[in-house]
Amino acid sequence: MIRDGIHQEMIMEGKLLHRLMWVIWPAFLMAGAAEALFFTVFDPFDLHFFGAPLELSREAMYTLGFFGFWALGVASSGLTVFLARSPWELNRCTLDARQRPDGCPKRVVEDLDCCAPEPPQR
């Protein structure tokens, strides 16, 4: 039983890492493309922040632009992955079957049928 719990935990961790890459990698690629397109049209020294010119080097502006576009891509991809979760992931119980409270229909009592609580009478 313990091996099954560890195996299940490893599966869930692997799914988390996959989803993290589903978010970060496309956002990285789009940040590169967005930065190239944006700075092809706009010169970094022509940009102003609330009317004041930015006193940064070109490289600093390119870096800030890249990380800004990357953050937007991560937010977009992250929201997509969050909203695309399956019903099983949304409705699953995070507790182990033996740790669930009394009355939970998915609670497992370990081979102690003589001591198992009686189901409620209707």
PDB file of N, CA and C in Angstrom:
ATOM      1  N   MET A   1       0.806  -1.197   0.000  1.00  0.00           N
ATOM      2  CA  MET A   1       0.000   0.000   0.000  1.00  0.00           C
ATOM      3  C   MET A   1       0.852   1.266   0.000  1.00  0.00           C
ATOM      4  N   ILE A   2       1.958   1.242   0.758  1.00  0.00           N
ATOM      5  CA  ILE A   2       2.810   2.419   0.825  1.00  0.00           C
ATOM      6  C   ILE A   2       3.439   2.688  -0.534  1.00  0.00           C
ATOM      7  N   ARG A   3       3.825   1.629  -1.234  1.00  0.00           N
ATOM      8  CA  ARG A   3       4.412   1.813  -2.562  1.00  0.00           C
ATOM      9  C   ARG A   3       3.420   2.464  -3.510  1.00  0.00           C
ATOM     10  N   ASP A   4       2.137   2.097  -3.389  1.00  0.00           N
ATOM     11  CA  ASP A   4       1.131   2.706  -4.255  1.00  0.00           C
ATOM     12  C   ASP A   4       1.023   4.199  -3.989  1.00  0.00           C
ATOM     13  N   GLY A   5       1.098   4.590  -2.714  1.00  0.00           N
ATOM     14  CA  GLY A   5       1.038   6.007  -2.366  1.00  0.00           C
ATOM     15  C   GLY A   5       2.225   6.773  -2.916  1.00  0.00           C
ATOM     16  N   ILE A   6       3.408   6.178  -2.796  1.00  0.00           N
ATOM     17  CA  ILE A   6       4.613   6.829  -3.324  1.00  0.00           C
ATOM     18  C   ILE A   6       4.538   6.908  -4.844  1.00  0.00           C
ATOM     19  N   HIS A   7       4.080   5.834  -5.471  1.00  0.00           N
ATOM     20  CA  HIS A   7       3.944   5.821  -6.928  1.00  0.00           C
ATOM     21  C   HIS A   7       2.954   6.896  -7.382  1.00  0.00           C
ATOM     22  N   GLN A   8       1.836   7.001  -6.681  1.00  0.00           N
ATOM     23  CA  GLN A   8       0.822   7.999  -7.035  1.00  0.00           C
ATOM     24  C   GLN A   8       1.393   9.413  -6.852  1.00  0.00           C
ATOM     25  N   GLU A   9       2.170   9.610  -5.787  1.00  0.00           N
ATOM     26  CA  GLU A   9       2.779  10.918  -5.547  1.00  0.00           C
ATOM     27  C   GLU A   9       3.761  11.264  -6.660  1.00  0.00           C
ATOM     28  N   MET A  10       4.534  10.282  -7.117  1.00  0.00           N
ATOM     29  CA  MET A  10       5.483  10.516  -8.207  1.00  0.00           C
ATOM     30  C   MET A  10       4.749  10.856  -9.501  1.00  0.00           C
ATOM     31  N   ILE A  11       3.624  10.200  -9.733  1.00  0.00           N
ATOM     32  CA  ILE A  11       2.843  10.504 -10.933  1.00  0.00           C
ATOM     33  C   ILE A  11       2.331  11.934 -10.883  1.00  0.00           C
ATOM     34  N   MET A  12       1.810  12.346  -9.718  1.00  0.00           N
ATOM     35  CA  MET A  12       1.283  13.703  -9.590  1.00  0.00           C
ATOM     36  C   MET A  12       2.398  14.739  -9.729  1.00  0.00           C
ATOM     37  N   GLU A  13       3.592  14.447  -9.173  1.00  0.00           N
ATOM     38  CA  GLU A  13       4.715  15.365  -9.302  1.00  0.00           C
ATOM     39  C   GLU A  13       5.146  15.465 -10.761  1.00  0.00           C
ATOM     40  N   GLY A  14       5.151  14.335 -11.471  1.00  0.00           N
ATOM     41  CA  GLY A  14       5.502  14.344 -12.888  1.00  0.00           C
ATOM     42  C   GLY A  14       4.512  15.153 -13.707  1.00  0.00           C
ATOM     43  N   LYS A  15       3.234  15.035 -13.368  1.00  0.00           N
ATOM     44  CA  LYS A  15       2.231  15.821 -14.077  1.00  0.00           C
ATOM     45  C   LYS A  15       2.428  17.309 -13.828  1.00  0.00           C
ATOM     46  N   LEU A  16       2.797  17.654 -12.589  1.00  0.00           N
ATOM     47  CA  LEU A  16       3.038  19.057 -12.270  1.00  0.00           C
ATOM     48  C   LEU A  16       4.216  19.594 -13.082  1.00  0.00           C
ATOM     49  N   LEU A  17       5.284  18.813 -13.186  1.00  0.00           N
ATOM     50  CA  LEU A  17       6.446  19.257 -13.959  1.00  0.00           C
ATOM     51  C   LEU A  17       6.108  19.385 -15.445  1.00  0.00           C
ATOM     52  N   HIS A  18       5.299  18.455 -15.957  1.00  0.00           N
ATOM     53  CA  HIS A  18       4.874  18.563 -17.355  1.00  0.00           C
ATOM     54  C   HIS A  18       4.069  19.839 -17.572  1.00  0.00           C
ATOM     55  N   ARG A  19       3.154  20.092 -16.677  1.00  0.00           N
ATOM     56  CA  ARG A  19       2.323  21.290 -16.835  1.00  0.00           C
ATOM     57  C   ARG A  19       3.146  22.557 -16.704  1.00  0.00           C
ATOM     58  N   LEU A  20       4.136  22.532 -15.823  1.00  0.00           N
ATOM     59  CA  LEU A  20       4.999  23.688 -15.685  1.00  0.00           C
ATOM     60  C   LEU A  20       5.741  23.958 -16.995  1.00  0.00           C
ATOM     61  N   MET A  21       6.204  22.913 -17.643  1.00  0.00           N
ATOM     62  CA  MET A  21       6.869  23.098 -18.940  1.00  0.00           C
ATOM     63  C   MET A  21       5.885  23.513 -20.025  1.00  0.00           C
ATOM     64  N   TRP A  22       4.627  23.054 -19.921  1.00  0.00           N
ATOM     65  CA  TRP A  22       3.608  23.499 -20.881  1.00  0.00           C
ATOM     66  C   TRP A  22       3.381  25.002 -20.767  1.00  0.00           C
ATOM     67  N   VAL A  23       3.657  25.558 -19.611  1.00  0.00           N
ATOM     68  CA  VAL A  23       3.454  26.989 -19.393  1.00  0.00           C
ATOM     69  C   VAL A  23       4.712  27.776 -19.749  1.00  0.00           C
ATOM     70  N   ILE A  24       5.860  27.346 -19.245  1.00  0.00           N
ATOM     71  CA  ILE A  24       7.080  28.148 -19.362  1.00  0.00           C
ATOM     72  C   ILE A  24       7.671  28.141 -20.773  1.00  0.00           C
ATOM     73  N   TRP A  25       7.726  26.983 -21.417  1.00  0.00           N
ATOM     74  CA  TRP A  25       8.395  26.905 -22.723  1.00  0.00           C
ATOM     75  C   TRP A  25       7.685  27.706 -23.815  1.00  0.00           C
ATOM     76  N   PRO A  26       6.374  27.546 -24.021  1.00  0.00           N
ATOM     77  CA  PRO A  26       5.728  28.375 -25.056  1.00  0.00           C
ATOM     78  C   PRO A  26       5.801  29.865 -24.731  1.00  0.00           C
ATOM     79  N   ALA A  27       5.732  30.206 -23.446  1.00  0.00           N
ATOM     80  CA  ALA A  27       5.838  31.614 -23.060  1.00  0.00           C
ATOM     81  C   ALA A  27       7.226  32.160 -23.407  1.00  0.00           C
ATOM     82  N   PHE A  28       8.262  31.346 -23.213  1.00  0.00           N
ATOM     83  CA  PHE A  28       9.624  31.749 -23.551  1.00  0.00           C
ATOM     84  C   PHE A  28       9.746  32.005 -25.056  1.00  0.00           C
ATOM     85  N   LEU A  29       9.220  31.087 -25.855  1.00  0.00           N
ATOM     86  CA  LEU A  29       9.298  31.251 -27.316  1.00  0.00           C
ATOM     87  C   LEU A  29       8.535  32.491 -27.782  1.00  0.00           C
ATOM     88  N   MET A  30       7.358  32.707 -27.221  1.00  0.00           N
ATOM     89  CA  MET A  30       6.568  33.867 -27.628  1.00  0.00           C
ATOM     90  C   MET A  30       7.200  35.168 -27.139  1.00  0.00           C
ATOM     91  N   ALA A  31       7.867  35.136 -25.989  1.00  0.00           N
ATOM     92  CA  ALA A  31       8.546  36.341 -25.495  1.00  0.00           C
ATOM     93  C   ALA A  31       9.656  36.752 -26.456  1.00  0.00           C
ATOM     94  N   GLY A  32      10.391  35.774 -26.955  1.00  0.00           N
ATOM     95  CA  GLY A  32      11.441  36.085 -27.930  1.00  0.00           C
ATOM     96  C   GLY A  32      10.875  36.696 -29.197  1.00  0.00           C
ATOM     97  N   ALA A  33       9.793  36.102 -29.701  1.00  0.00           N
ATOM     98  CA  ALA A  33       9.166  36.634 -30.924  1.00  0.00           C
ATOM     99  C   ALA A  33       8.543  38.004 -30.676  1.00  0.00           C
ATOM    100  N   ALA A  34       7.869  38.181 -29.552  1.00  0.00           N
ATOM    101  CA  ALA A  34       7.231  39.467 -29.244  1.00  0.00           C
ATOM    102  C   ALA A  34       8.270  40.562 -29.053  1.00  0.00           C
ATOM    103  N   GLU A  35       9.368  40.226 -28.394  1.00  0.00           N
ATOM    104  CA  GLU A  35      10.420  41.223 -28.199  1.00  0.00           C
ATOM    105  C   GLU A  35      11.028  41.637 -29.537  1.00  0.00           C
ATOM    106  N   ALA A  36      11.302  40.657 -30.383  1.00  0.00           N
ATOM    107  CA  ALA A  36      11.876  40.974 -31.695  1.00  0.00           C
ATOM    108  C   ALA A  36      10.933  41.864 -32.495  1.00  0.00           C
ATOM    109  N   LEU A  37       9.664  41.543 -32.491  1.00  0.00           N
ATOM    110  CA  LEU A  37       8.690  42.344 -33.237  1.00  0.00           C
ATOM    111  C   LEU A  37       8.539  43.732 -32.624  1.00  0.00           C
ATOM    112  N   PHE A  38       8.415  43.814 -31.313  1.00  0.00           N
ATOM    113  CA  PHE A  38       8.209  45.100 -30.633  1.00  0.00           C
ATOM    114  C   PHE A  38       9.388  46.040 -30.853  1.00  0.00           C
ATOM    115  N   PHE A  39      10.612  45.524 -30.646  1.00  0.00           N
ATOM    116  CA  PHE A  39      11.777  46.396 -30.760  1.00  0.00           C
ATOM    117  C   PHE A  39      12.221  46.597 -32.206  1.00  0.00           C
ATOM    118  N   THR A  40      11.609  45.889 -33.139  1.00  0.00           N
ATOM    119  CA  THR A  40      11.808  46.214 -34.552  1.00  0.00           C
ATOM    120  C   THR A  40      11.025  47.475 -34.903  1.00  0.00           C
ATOM    121  N   VAL A  41       9.881  47.638 -34.274  1.00  0.00           N
ATOM    122  CA  VAL A  41       9.023  48.793 -34.544  1.00  0.00           C
ATOM    123  C   VAL A  41       9.401  49.995 -33.683  1.00  0.00           C
ATOM    124  N   PHE A  42       9.730  49.765 -32.411  1.00  0.00           N
ATOM    125  CA  PHE A  42       9.997  50.860 -31.474  1.00  0.00           C
ATOM    126  C   PHE A  42      11.461  50.839 -31.025  1.00  0.00           C
ATOM    127  N   ASP A  43      12.078  52.025 -31.037  1.00  0.00           N
ATOM    128  CA  ASP A  43      13.444  52.175 -30.527  1.00  0.00           C
ATOM    129  C   ASP A  43      13.374  52.297 -29.003  1.00  0.00           C
ATOM    130  N   PRO A  44      14.216  51.590 -28.248  1.00  0.00           N
ATOM    131  CA  PRO A  44      14.158  51.664 -26.784  1.00  0.00           C
ATOM    132  C   PRO A  44      14.336  53.076 -26.230  1.00  0.00           C
ATOM    133  N   PHE A  45      15.084  53.919 -26.908  1.00  0.00           N
ATOM    134  CA  PHE A  45      15.287  55.282 -26.410  1.00  0.00           C
ATOM    135  C   PHE A  45      14.086  56.181 -26.668  1.00  0.00           C
ATOM    136  N   ASP A  46      13.139  55.759 -27.478  1.00  0.00           N
ATOM    137  CA  ASP A  46      11.931  56.544 -27.724  1.00  0.00           C
ATOM    138  C   ASP A  46      10.813  56.225 -26.735  1.00  0.00           C
ATOM    139  N   LEU A  47      11.023  55.242 -25.871  1.00  0.00           N
ATOM    140  CA  LEU A  47       9.983  54.846 -24.919  1.00  0.00           C
ATOM    141  C   LEU A  47      10.004  55.760 -23.700  1.00  0.00           C
ATOM    142  N   HIS A  48       8.813  56.081 -23.207  1.00  0.00           N
ATOM    143  CA  HIS A  48       8.658  56.929 -22.025  1.00  0.00           C
ATOM    144  C   HIS A  48       7.766  56.218 -21.029  1.00  0.00           C
ATOM    145  N   PHE A  49       8.036  56.445 -19.742  1.00  0.00           N
ATOM    146  CA  PHE A  49       7.238  55.865 -18.665  1.00  0.00           C
ATOM    147  C   PHE A  49       6.543  57.016 -17.937  1.00  0.00           C
ATOM    148  N   PHE A  50       5.242  57.131 -18.116  1.00  0.00           N
ATOM    149  CA  PHE A  50       4.440  58.225 -17.555  1.00  0.00           C
ATOM    150  C   PHE A  50       5.021  59.586 -17.934  1.00  0.00           C
ATOM    151  N   GLY A  51       5.407  59.732 -19.178  1.00  0.00           N
ATOM    152  CA  GLY A  51       5.895  60.998 -19.703  1.00  0.00           C
ATOM    153  C   GLY A  51       7.372  61.252 -19.490  1.00  0.00           C
ATOM    154  N   ALA A  52       8.029  60.459 -18.670  1.00  0.00           N
ATOM    155  CA  ALA A  52       9.456  60.665 -18.421  1.00  0.00           C
ATOM    156  C   ALA A  52      10.263  59.648 -19.222  1.00  0.00           C
ATOM    157  N   PRO A  53      11.341  60.086 -19.867  1.00  0.00           N
ATOM    158  CA  PRO A  53      12.165  59.131 -20.622  1.00  0.00           C
ATOM    159  C   PRO A  53      12.846  58.144 -19.664  1.00  0.00           C
ATOM    160  N   LEU A  54      13.012  56.944 -20.129  1.00  0.00           N
ATOM    161  CA  LEU A  54      13.661  55.909 -19.315  1.00  0.00           C
ATOM    162  C   LEU A  54      15.170  56.042 -19.444  1.00  0.00           C
ATOM    163  N   GLU A  55      15.856  56.128 -18.338  1.00  0.00           N
ATOM    164  CA  GLU A  55      17.312  56.316 -18.316  1.00  0.00           C
ATOM    165  C   GLU A  55      18.005  54.963 -18.201  1.00  0.00           C
ATOM    166  N   LEU A  56      17.775  54.092 -19.178  1.00  0.00           N
ATOM    167  CA  LEU A  56      18.377  52.760 -19.177  1.00  0.00           C
ATOM    168  C   LEU A  56      19.099  52.532 -20.495  1.00  0.00           C
ATOM    169  N   SER A  57      20.057  51.625 -20.490  1.00  0.00           N
ATOM    170  CA  SER A  57      20.761  51.285 -21.722  1.00  0.00           C
ATOM    171  C   SER A  57      19.846  50.451 -22.623  1.00  0.00           C
ATOM    172  N   ARG A  58      20.252  50.308 -23.859  1.00  0.00           N
ATOM    173  CA  ARG A  58      19.471  49.479 -24.792  1.00  0.00           C
ATOM    174  C   ARG A  58      19.360  48.038 -24.289  1.00  0.00           C
ATOM    175  N   GLU A  59      20.475  47.502 -23.812  1.00  0.00           N
ATOM    176  CA  GLU A  59      20.468  46.119 -23.343  1.00  0.00           C
ATOM    177  C   GLU A  59      19.512  45.947 -22.162  1.00  0.00           C
ATOM    178  N   ALA A  60      19.491  46.920 -21.270  1.00  0.00           N
ATOM    179  CA  ALA A  60      18.570  46.853 -20.129  1.00  0.00           C
ATOM    180  C   ALA A  60      17.118  46.916 -20.604  1.00  0.00           C
ATOM    181  N   MET A  61      16.847  47.743 -21.594  1.00  0.00           N
ATOM    182  CA  MET A  61      15.482  47.846 -22.136  1.00  0.00           C
ATOM    183  C   MET A  61      15.075  46.538 -22.821  1.00  0.00           C
ATOM    184  N   TYR A  62      16.001  45.945 -23.575  1.00  0.00           N
ATOM    185  CA  TYR A  62      15.709  44.670 -24.220  1.00  0.00           C
ATOM    186  C   TYR A  62      15.448  43.582 -23.173  1.00  0.00           C
ATOM    187  N   THR A  63      16.251  43.587 -22.116  1.00  0.00           N
ATOM    188  CA  THR A  63      16.078  42.594 -21.052  1.00  0.00           C
ATOM    189  C   THR A  63      14.733  42.770 -20.359  1.00  0.00           C
ATOM    190  N   LEU A  64      14.413  44.000 -19.982  1.00  0.00           N
ATOM    191  CA  LEU A  64      13.120  44.254 -19.339  1.00  0.00           C
ATOM    192  C   LEU A  64      11.959  43.908 -20.271  1.00  0.00           C
ATOM    193  N   GLY A  65      12.116  44.230 -21.538  1.00  0.00           N
ATOM    194  CA  GLY A  65      11.062  43.885 -22.504  1.00  0.00           C
ATOM    195  C   GLY A  65      10.872  42.389 -22.614  1.00  0.00           C
ATOM    196  N   PHE A  66      11.984  41.654 -22.684  1.00  0.00           N
ATOM    197  CA  PHE A  66      11.882  40.202 -22.791  1.00  0.00           C
ATOM    198  C   PHE A  66      11.184  39.612 -21.574  1.00  0.00           C
ATOM    199  N   PHE A  67      11.631  40.011 -20.365  1.00  0.00           N
ATOM    200  CA  PHE A  67      11.014  39.452 -19.159  1.00  0.00           C
ATOM    201  C   PHE A  67       9.567  39.902 -19.000  1.00  0.00           C
ATOM    202  N   GLY A  68       9.246  41.104 -19.452  1.00  0.00           N
ATOM    203  CA  GLY A  68       7.855  41.551 -19.421  1.00  0.00           C
ATOM    204  C   GLY A  68       6.976  40.719 -20.351  1.00  0.00           C
ATOM    205  N   PHE A  69       7.447  40.492 -21.564  1.00  0.00           N
ATOM    206  CA  PHE A  69       6.684  39.645 -22.495  1.00  0.00           C
ATOM    207  C   PHE A  69       6.623  38.199 -22.006  1.00  0.00           C
ATOM    208  N   TRP A  70       7.676  37.736 -21.375  1.00  0.00           N
ATOM    209  CA  TRP A  70       7.678  36.375 -20.834  1.00  0.00           C
ATOM    210  C   TRP A  70       6.648  36.254 -19.711  1.00  0.00           C
ATOM    211  N   ALA A  71       6.580  37.254 -18.849  1.00  0.00           N
ATOM    212  CA  ALA A  71       5.592  37.241 -17.762  1.00  0.00           C
ATOM    213  C   ALA A  71       4.167  37.221 -18.323  1.00  0.00           C
ATOM    214  N   LEU A  72       3.914  37.995 -19.363  1.00  0.00           N
ATOM    215  CA  LEU A  72       2.580  37.970 -19.989  1.00  0.00           C
ATOM    216  C   LEU A  72       2.283  36.595 -20.577  1.00  0.00           C
ATOM    217  N   GLY A  73       3.272  35.985 -21.208  1.00  0.00           N
ATOM    218  CA  GLY A  73       3.083  34.649 -21.775  1.00  0.00           C
ATOM    219  C   GLY A  73       2.848  33.597 -20.711  1.00  0.00           C
ATOM    220  N   VAL A  74       3.588  33.683 -19.595  1.00  0.00           N
ATOM    221  CA  VAL A  74       3.392  32.737 -18.493  1.00  0.00           C
ATOM    222  C   VAL A  74       1.993  32.890 -17.914  1.00  0.00           C
ATOM    223  N   ALA A  75       1.537  34.126 -17.744  1.00  0.00           N
ATOM    224  CA  ALA A  75       0.192  34.351 -17.213  1.00  0.00           C
ATOM    225  C   ALA A  75      -0.866  33.781 -18.152  1.00  0.00           C
ATOM    226  N   SER A  76      -0.699  33.994 -19.431  1.00  0.00           N
ATOM    227  CA  SER A  76      -1.662  33.485 -20.403  1.00  0.00           C
ATOM    228  C   SER A  76      -1.670  31.961 -20.453  1.00  0.00           C
ATOM    229  N   SER A  77      -0.497  31.357 -20.570  1.00  0.00           N
ATOM    230  CA  SER A  77      -0.421  29.898 -20.629  1.00  0.00           C
ATOM    231  C   SER A  77      -0.847  29.261 -19.313  1.00  0.00           C
ATOM    232  N   GLY A  78      -0.480  29.882 -18.204  1.00  0.00           N
ATOM    233  CA  GLY A  78      -0.870  29.360 -16.899  1.00  0.00           C
ATOM    234  C   GLY A  78      -2.373  29.363 -16.711  1.00  0.00           C
ATOM    235  N   LEU A  79      -3.025  30.424 -17.152  1.00  0.00           N
ATOM    236  CA  LEU A  79      -4.481  30.482 -17.059  1.00  0.00           C
ATOM    237  C   LEU A  79      -5.119  29.419 -17.946  1.00  0.00           C
ATOM    238  N   THR A  80      -4.562  29.192 -19.115  1.00  0.00           N
ATOM    239  CA  THR A  80      -5.081  28.154 -20.002  1.00  0.00           C
ATOM    240  C   THR A  80      -4.954  26.773 -19.371  1.00  0.00           C
ATOM    241  N   VAL A  81      -3.797  26.457 -18.803  1.00  0.00           N
ATOM    242  CA  VAL A  81      -3.590  25.152 -18.167  1.00  0.00           C
ATOM    243  C   VAL A  81      -4.492  25.012 -16.938  1.00  0.00           C
ATOM    244  N   PHE A  82      -4.662  26.092 -16.190  1.00  0.00           N
ATOM    245  CA  PHE A  82      -5.522  26.043 -15.008  1.00  0.00           C
ATOM    246  C   PHE A  82      -6.975  25.763 -15.387  1.00  0.00           C
ATOM    247  N   LEU A  83      -7.445  26.404 -16.430  1.00  0.00           N
ATOM    248  CA  LEU A  83      -8.841  26.221 -16.844  1.00  0.00           C
ATOM    249  C   LEU A  83      -9.074  24.915 -17.593  1.00  0.00           C
ATOM    250  N   ALA A  84      -8.014  24.258 -18.045  1.00  0.00           N
ATOM    251  CA  ALA A  84      -8.150  23.012 -18.809  1.00  0.00           C
ATOM    252  C   ALA A  84      -8.048  21.770 -17.925  1.00  0.00           C
ATOM    253  N   ARG A  85      -8.151  21.911 -16.611  1.00  0.00           N
ATOM    254  CA  ARG A  85      -8.058  20.748 -15.727  1.00  0.00           C
ATOM    255  C   ARG A  85      -9.264  19.847 -15.909  1.00  0.00           C
ATOM    256  N   SER A  86      -9.027  18.556 -15.732  1.00  0.00           N
ATOM    257  CA  SER A  86     -10.099  17.574 -15.904  1.00  0.00           C
ATOM    258  C   SER A  86     -10.974  17.520 -14.653  1.00  0.00           C
ATOM    259  N   PRO A  87     -12.189  16.982 -14.776  1.00  0.00           N
ATOM    260  CA  PRO A  87     -13.060  16.843 -13.597  1.00  0.00           C
ATOM    261  C   PRO A  87     -12.416  15.980 -12.513  1.00  0.00           C
ATOM    262  N   TRP A  88     -11.638  14.968 -12.910  1.00  0.00           N
ATOM    263  CA  TRP A  88     -10.989  14.128 -11.918  1.00  0.00           C
ATOM    264  C   TRP A  88     -10.032  14.951 -11.059  1.00  0.00           C
ATOM    265  N   GLU A  89      -9.284  15.841 -11.682  1.00  0.00           N
ATOM    266  CA  GLU A  89      -8.338  16.660 -10.932  1.00  0.00           C
ATOM    267  C   GLU A  89      -9.047  17.651 -10.015  1.00  0.00           C
ATOM    268  N   LEU A  90     -10.171  18.164 -10.456  1.00  0.00           N
ATOM    269  CA  LEU A  90     -10.902  19.130  -9.643  1.00  0.00           C
ATOM    270  C   LEU A  90     -11.610  18.476  -8.467  1.00  0.00           C
ATOM    271  N   ASN A  91     -12.123  17.263  -8.658  1.00  0.00           N
ATOM    272  CA  ASN A  91     -12.961  16.622  -7.649  1.00  0.00           C
ATOM    273  C   ASN A  91     -12.251  15.574  -6.820  1.00  0.00           C
ATOM    274  N   ARG A  92     -10.977  15.345  -7.052  1.00  0.00           N
ATOM    275  CA  ARG A  92     -10.298  14.286  -6.312  1.00  0.00           C
ATOM    276  C   ARG A  92     -10.072  14.720  -4.876  1.00  0.00           C
ATOM    277  N   CYS A  93     -10.039  13.746  -4.000  1.00  0.00           N
ATOM    278  CA  CYS A  93      -9.791  13.989  -2.587  1.00  0.00           C
ATOM    279  C   CYS A  93      -8.286  13.969  -2.356  1.00  0.00           C
ATOM    280  N   THR A  94      -7.783  14.940  -1.637  1.00  0.00           N
ATOM    281  CA  THR A  94      -6.345  15.028  -1.407  1.00  0.00           C
ATOM    282  C   THR A  94      -5.882  14.145  -0.257  1.00  0.00           C
ATOM    283  N   LEU A  95      -6.822  13.598   0.503  1.00  0.00           N
ATOM    284  CA  LEU A  95      -6.463  12.730   1.622  1.00  0.00           C
ATOM    285  C   LEU A  95      -6.319  11.291   1.170  1.00  0.00           C
ATOM    286  N   ASP A  96      -5.439  10.556   1.842  1.00  0.00           N
ATOM    287  CA  ASP A  96      -5.301   9.132   1.613  1.00  0.00           C
ATOM    288  C   ASP A  96      -6.602   8.444   2.028  1.00  0.00           C
ATOM    289  N   ALA A  97      -6.902   7.297   1.406  1.00  0.00           N
ATOM    290  CA  ALA A  97      -8.174   6.616   1.660  1.00  0.00           C
ATOM    291  C   ALA A  97      -8.356   6.260   3.128  1.00  0.00           C
ATOM    292  N   ARG A  98      -7.266   6.007   3.865  1.00  0.00           N
ATOM    293  CA  ARG A  98      -7.370   5.648   5.283  1.00  0.00           C
ATOM    294  C   ARG A  98      -7.517   6.870   6.183  1.00  0.00           C
ATOM    295  N   GLN A  99      -7.214   8.050   5.683  1.00  0.00           N
ATOM    296  CA  GLN A  99      -7.249   9.266   6.494  1.00  0.00           C
ATOM    297  C   GLN A  99      -8.535  10.062   6.318  1.00  0.00           C
ATOM    298  N   ARG A 100      -9.413   9.606   5.475  1.00  0.00           N
ATOM    299  CA  ARG A 100     -10.643  10.344   5.221  1.00  0.00           C
ATOM    300  C   ARG A 100     -11.565  10.269   6.435  1.00  0.00           C
ATOM    301  N   PRO A 101     -12.387  11.276   6.659  1.00  0.00           N
ATOM    302  CA  PRO A 101     -13.236  11.310   7.851  1.00  0.00           C
ATOM    303  C   PRO A 101     -14.333  10.257   7.795  1.00  0.00           C
ATOM    304  N   ASP A 102     -14.868   9.931   8.980  1.00  0.00           N
ATOM    305  CA  ASP A 102     -15.988   8.996   9.047  1.00  0.00           C
ATOM    306  C   ASP A 102     -17.141   9.554   8.229  1.00  0.00           C
ATOM    307  N   GLY A 103     -17.811   8.686   7.534  1.00  0.00           N
ATOM    308  CA  GLY A 103     -18.936   9.095   6.702  1.00  0.00           C
ATOM    309  C   GLY A 103     -18.566   9.384   5.264  1.00  0.00           C
ATOM    310  N   CYS A 104     -17.283   9.461   4.960  1.00  0.00           N
ATOM    311  CA  CYS A 104     -16.847   9.677   3.582  1.00  0.00           C
ATOM    312  C   CYS A 104     -17.084   8.385   2.810  1.00  0.00           C
ATOM    313  N   PRO A 105     -17.786   8.426   1.676  1.00  0.00           N
ATOM    314  CA  PRO A 105     -18.080   7.188   0.951  1.00  0.00           C
ATOM    315  C   PRO A 105     -16.845   6.518   0.363  1.00  0.00           C
ATOM    316  N   LYS A 106     -15.738   7.220   0.263  1.00  0.00           N
ATOM    317  CA  LYS A 106     -14.527   6.641  -0.307  1.00  0.00           C
ATOM    318  C   LYS A 106     -13.519   6.240   0.762  1.00  0.00           C
ATOM    319  N   ARG A 107     -13.930   6.246   2.013  1.00  0.00           N
ATOM    320  CA  ARG A 107     -13.033   5.861   3.099  1.00  0.00           C
ATOM    321  C   ARG A 107     -12.836   4.354   3.080  1.00  0.00           C
ATOM    322  N   VAL A 108     -11.605   3.923   3.315  1.00  0.00           N
ATOM    323  CA  VAL A 108     -11.268   2.506   3.349  1.00  0.00           C
ATOM    324  C   VAL A 108     -10.927   2.140   4.783  1.00  0.00           C
ATOM    325  N   VAL A 109     -11.557   1.066   5.287  1.00  0.00           N
ATOM    326  CA  VAL A 109     -11.231   0.545   6.608  1.00  0.00           C
ATOM    327  C   VAL A 109     -10.415  -0.711   6.365  1.00  0.00           C
ATOM    328  N   GLU A 110      -9.229  -0.793   7.003  1.00  0.00           N
ATOM    329  CA  GLU A 110      -8.284  -1.870   6.739  1.00  0.00           C
ATOM    330  C   GLU A 110      -8.731  -3.199   7.336  1.00  0.00           C
ATOM    331  N   ASP A 111      -9.224  -4.093   6.556  1.00  0.00           N
ATOM    332  CA  ASP A 111      -9.509  -5.487   6.910  1.00  0.00           C
ATOM    333  C   ASP A 111     -10.043  -5.668   8.332  1.00  0.00           C
ATOM    334  N   LEU A 112     -10.747  -4.736   8.846  1.00  0.00           N
ATOM    335  CA  LEU A 112     -11.303  -4.846  10.191  1.00  0.00           C
ATOM    336  C   LEU A 112     -12.827  -4.764  10.089  1.00  0.00           C
ATOM    337  N   ASP A 113     -13.385  -5.692   9.339  1.00  0.00           N
ATOM    338  CA  ASP A 113     -14.827  -5.649   9.115  1.00  0.00           C
ATOM    339  C   ASP A 113     -15.606  -5.757  10.412  1.00  0.00           C
ATOM    340  N   CYS A 114     -15.052  -6.451  11.425  1.00  0.00           N
ATOM    341  CA  CYS A 114     -15.770  -6.599  12.680  1.00  0.00           C
ATOM    342  C   CYS A 114     -15.845  -5.274  13.420  1.00  0.00           C
ATOM    343  N   CYS A 115     -14.872  -4.392  13.184  1.00  0.00           N
ATOM    344  CA  CYS A 115     -14.812  -3.134  13.917  1.00  0.00           C
ATOM    345  C   CYS A 115     -15.230  -1.941  13.065  1.00  0.00           C
ATOM    346  N   ALA A 116     -15.604  -2.191  11.834  1.00  0.00           N
ATOM    347  CA  ALA A 116     -15.985  -1.099  10.945  1.00  0.00           C
ATOM    348  C   ALA A 116     -17.288  -0.484  11.426  1.00  0.00           C
ATOM    349  N   PRO A 117     -17.404   0.828  11.335  1.00  0.00           N
ATOM    350  CA  PRO A 117     -18.656   1.456  11.763  1.00  0.00           C
ATOM    351  C   PRO A 117     -19.810   1.026  10.876  1.00  0.00           C
ATOM    352  N   GLU A 118     -20.961   0.908  11.489  1.00  0.00           N
ATOM    353  CA  GLU A 118     -22.168   0.528  10.755  1.00  0.00           C
ATOM    354  C   GLU A 118     -22.582   1.662   9.844  1.00  0.00           C
ATOM    355  N   PRO A 119     -23.028   1.361   8.637  1.00  0.00           N
ATOM    356  CA  PRO A 119     -23.540   2.438   7.778  1.00  0.00           C
ATOM    357  C   PRO A 119     -24.826   2.998   8.389  1.00  0.00           C
ATOM    358  N   PRO A 120     -25.085   4.284   8.198  1.00  0.00           N
ATOM    359  CA  PRO A 120     -26.294   4.860   8.777  1.00  0.00           C
ATOM    360  C   PRO A 120     -27.556   4.206   8.192  1.00  0.00           C
ATOM    361  N   GLN A 121     -28.534   4.015   9.069  1.00  0.00           N
ATOM    362  CA  GLN A 121     -29.824   3.431   8.658  1.00  0.00           C
ATOM    363  C   GLN A 121     -30.708   4.525   8.090  1.00  0.00           C
ATOM    364  N   ARG A 122     -31.427   4.177   7.035  1.00  0.00           N
ATOM    365  CA  ARG A 122     -32.328   5.156   6.434  1.00  0.00           C
ATOM    366  C   ARG A 122     -33.750   4.769   6.645  1.00  0.00           C
TER     367      ARG A 122
END
